[in-house]
């Protein structure tokens, strides 16, 4: 079942080589969310607010909107504020 989430999108000769990996990753993530949509639960954790997700998807507003539509349709968003437990041992710089 996992292989269906990781299928390789067809290659486009128009994509520049520098952004090809980024775009392919964004496309794969979109495919995972699309296949999970209305079929099962998906948990996503991020340190980015939704309005900054366009950067994650290579500034593709259409792809970002489609992902957020599928992800947030039946979603419960939990915002946790405060210091990160993972970062508790980091030295704070003045």
Foldseek 3Di string as FASTA:
>chain_A
DVVQLVDFDDDDPVDDPVCPVQQRVLVSVLSNLVVCQVPHDDDDDDPDDLVPCCVSNVVPPVSSVSSCCRDVVVDDDDDDDDDDPVCPPPDDDD
